[in-house]
Protein backbone atom coordinates (compact mmCIF):
# COMPACT_ATOMS: atom_id res chain seq x y z
CA UNK A 1 -63.49 -13.46 94.01
CA UNK A 2 -60.14 -11.67 93.53
CA UNK A 3 -58.70 -13.24 96.71
CA UNK A 4 -59.68 -16.70 95.52
CA UNK A 5 -57.99 -16.05 92.13
CA UNK A 6 -54.77 -14.86 93.76
CA UNK A 7 -54.76 -17.88 96.05
CA UNK A 8 -55.12 -20.23 93.07
CA UNK A 9 -52.34 -18.39 91.19
CA UNK A 10 -50.04 -18.58 94.22
CA UNK A 11 -50.82 -22.28 94.73
CA UNK A 12 -50.09 -23.06 91.06
CA UNK A 13 -46.84 -21.08 91.18
CA UNK A 14 -45.68 -22.86 94.34
CA UNK A 15 -46.60 -26.28 92.92
CA UNK A 16 -44.63 -25.50 89.75
CA UNK A 17 -41.62 -24.33 91.75
CA UNK A 18 -41.65 -27.47 93.90
CA UNK A 19 -41.91 -29.75 90.85
CA UNK A 20 -39.11 -27.84 89.08
CA UNK A 21 -36.84 -28.06 92.15
CA UNK A 22 -37.52 -31.78 92.65
CA UNK A 23 -36.80 -32.51 88.99
CA UNK A 24 -33.58 -30.45 89.07
CA UNK A 25 -32.37 -32.19 92.23
CA UNK A 26 -33.12 -35.61 90.78
CA UNK A 27 -31.29 -34.77 87.53
CA UNK A 28 -28.29 -33.35 89.44
CA UNK A 29 -27.65 -36.70 91.12
CA UNK A 30 -27.72 -38.75 87.91
CA UNK A 31 -24.51 -40.33 86.66
CA UNK A 32 -24.17 -40.29 82.87
CA UNK A 33 -22.59 -43.30 81.15
CA UNK A 34 -21.65 -42.91 77.48
CA UNK A 35 -20.92 -46.04 75.45
CA UNK A 36 -18.00 -45.19 73.15
CA UNK A 37 -17.42 -48.57 71.50
CA UNK A 38 -17.58 -52.33 71.90
CA UNK A 39 -15.29 -54.65 69.94
CA UNK A 40 -14.87 -58.41 69.92
CA UNK A 41 -11.46 -59.69 71.02
CA UNK A 42 -10.59 -61.75 67.95
CA UNK A 43 -7.93 -63.86 69.69
CA UNK A 44 -10.21 -64.54 72.68
CA UNK A 45 -13.50 -66.05 71.45
CA UNK A 46 -16.52 -65.04 73.52
CA UNK A 47 -14.78 -61.94 74.96
CA UNK A 48 -15.18 -58.27 74.11
CA UNK A 49 -13.90 -54.87 75.21
CA UNK A 50 -16.31 -52.04 75.92
CA UNK A 51 -15.06 -48.48 76.29
CA UNK A 52 -17.25 -46.00 78.20
CA UNK A 53 -17.01 -42.61 79.84
CA UNK A 54 -18.69 -41.90 83.17
CA UNK A 55 -19.69 -38.36 84.07
CA UNK A 56 -20.43 -37.63 87.71
CA UNK A 57 -22.33 -34.42 88.42
CA UNK A 58 -21.28 -32.59 91.59
CA UNK A 59 -22.05 -34.95 94.48
CA UNK A 60 -22.91 -37.81 92.07
CA UNK A 61 -22.59 -41.42 93.27
CA UNK A 62 -22.86 -44.98 91.95
CA UNK A 63 -24.87 -47.75 93.59
CA UNK A 64 -22.94 -50.68 95.06
CA UNK A 65 -22.22 -52.91 92.05
CA UNK A 66 -19.93 -55.31 90.24
CA UNK A 67 -19.00 -55.67 86.59
CA UNK A 68 -18.09 -59.34 86.09
CA UNK A 69 -15.32 -57.80 83.99
CA UNK A 70 -11.80 -56.52 84.29
CA UNK A 71 -12.35 -52.77 84.50
CA UNK A 72 -9.53 -50.31 83.82
CA UNK A 73 -10.31 -46.73 84.93
CA UNK A 74 -8.52 -43.54 83.86
CA UNK A 75 -9.58 -40.22 85.42
CA UNK A 76 -10.05 -37.43 82.86
CA UNK A 77 -11.28 -34.53 85.01
CA UNK A 78 -12.25 -33.74 88.58
CA UNK A 79 -11.65 -36.10 91.50
CA UNK A 80 -13.38 -39.38 92.25
CA UNK A 81 -13.49 -41.63 95.31
CA UNK A 82 -13.33 -45.40 94.72
CA UNK A 83 -13.35 -48.40 97.04
CA UNK A 84 -13.56 -52.11 96.35
CA UNK A 85 -14.77 -54.58 98.98
CA UNK A 86 -11.77 -55.50 101.12
CA UNK A 87 -9.75 -52.54 99.81
CA UNK A 88 -9.02 -49.05 101.00
CA UNK A 89 -10.94 -45.98 99.88
CA UNK A 90 -8.84 -43.89 97.46
CA UNK A 91 -9.28 -40.46 95.92
CA UNK A 92 -8.20 -40.25 92.29
CA UNK A 93 -7.32 -37.17 90.23
CA UNK A 94 -6.80 -36.54 86.49
CA UNK A 95 -4.24 -39.00 85.12
CA UNK A 96 -4.74 -41.51 87.97
CA UNK A 97 -5.80 -45.10 87.28
CA UNK A 98 -7.86 -47.71 89.11
CA UNK A 99 -8.54 -51.42 88.53
CA UNK A 100 -11.57 -53.58 89.34
CA UNK A 101 -11.20 -57.35 89.04
CA UNK A 102 -14.07 -59.48 87.67
CA UNK A 103 -15.04 -60.83 91.11
CA UNK A 104 -14.75 -57.47 92.88
CA UNK A 105 -17.63 -55.59 94.47
CA UNK A 106 -17.44 -51.83 94.00
CA UNK A 107 -18.59 -50.38 97.35
CA UNK A 108 -17.83 -46.69 96.73
CA UNK A 109 -17.84 -44.78 93.47
CA UNK A 110 -18.52 -41.07 93.78
CA UNK A 111 -17.52 -37.59 92.85
CA UNK A 112 -15.20 -36.20 95.54
CA UNK A 113 -16.66 -32.71 94.97
CA UNK A 114 -20.10 -31.33 95.70
CA UNK A 115 -19.45 -28.35 93.40
CA UNK A 116 -17.47 -29.61 90.36
CA UNK A 117 -18.19 -32.44 87.90
CA UNK A 118 -15.85 -35.41 87.39
CA UNK A 119 -15.28 -37.67 84.39
CA UNK A 120 -13.40 -40.89 83.78
CA UNK A 121 -12.77 -43.39 80.99
CA UNK A 122 -13.30 -47.14 81.54
CA UNK A 123 -12.22 -50.15 79.48
CA UNK A 124 -14.13 -53.32 80.42
CA UNK A 125 -12.90 -56.72 79.27
CA UNK A 126 -15.91 -59.00 79.63
CA UNK A 127 -17.94 -61.88 78.25
CA UNK A 128 -19.58 -60.96 74.96
CA UNK A 129 -23.01 -59.41 75.58
CA UNK A 130 -22.62 -59.30 79.38
CA UNK A 131 -24.16 -56.24 81.12
CA UNK A 132 -21.87 -53.36 82.05
CA UNK A 133 -23.07 -53.15 85.65
CA UNK A 134 -24.78 -55.54 88.04
CA UNK A 135 -26.28 -54.00 91.23
CA UNK A 136 -25.26 -55.70 94.48
CA UNK A 137 -27.09 -55.54 97.81
CA UNK A 138 -24.39 -54.89 100.43
């Protein structure tokens, strides 16, 4: 009876550890987008500007996507790797900028580090109410 009890306890402990590890690994790869503000462009009817921050955890990546917006990126901390379809891959550091045109497909967006977080600010000039990100199958 004691052996059976210890086996059950060990099985429960291992199951809990596996679930905890899987949840932690899934959370570590999630990119956090914070919406700071959205304002209508008064002199350009039907257009708005949205300001967001993007936080990459260590090793964090974006899916291939587009914005259907003019996106202006400013790196706040860490280093990020960006590449647009037809363009070269670049590594950006704090104070560096990057631009995505409305028709561009963003092939690579990732944290350059597997140990340190990265954060950047983005201004998107887009159609009013348009989504921030549209996944693309490339």
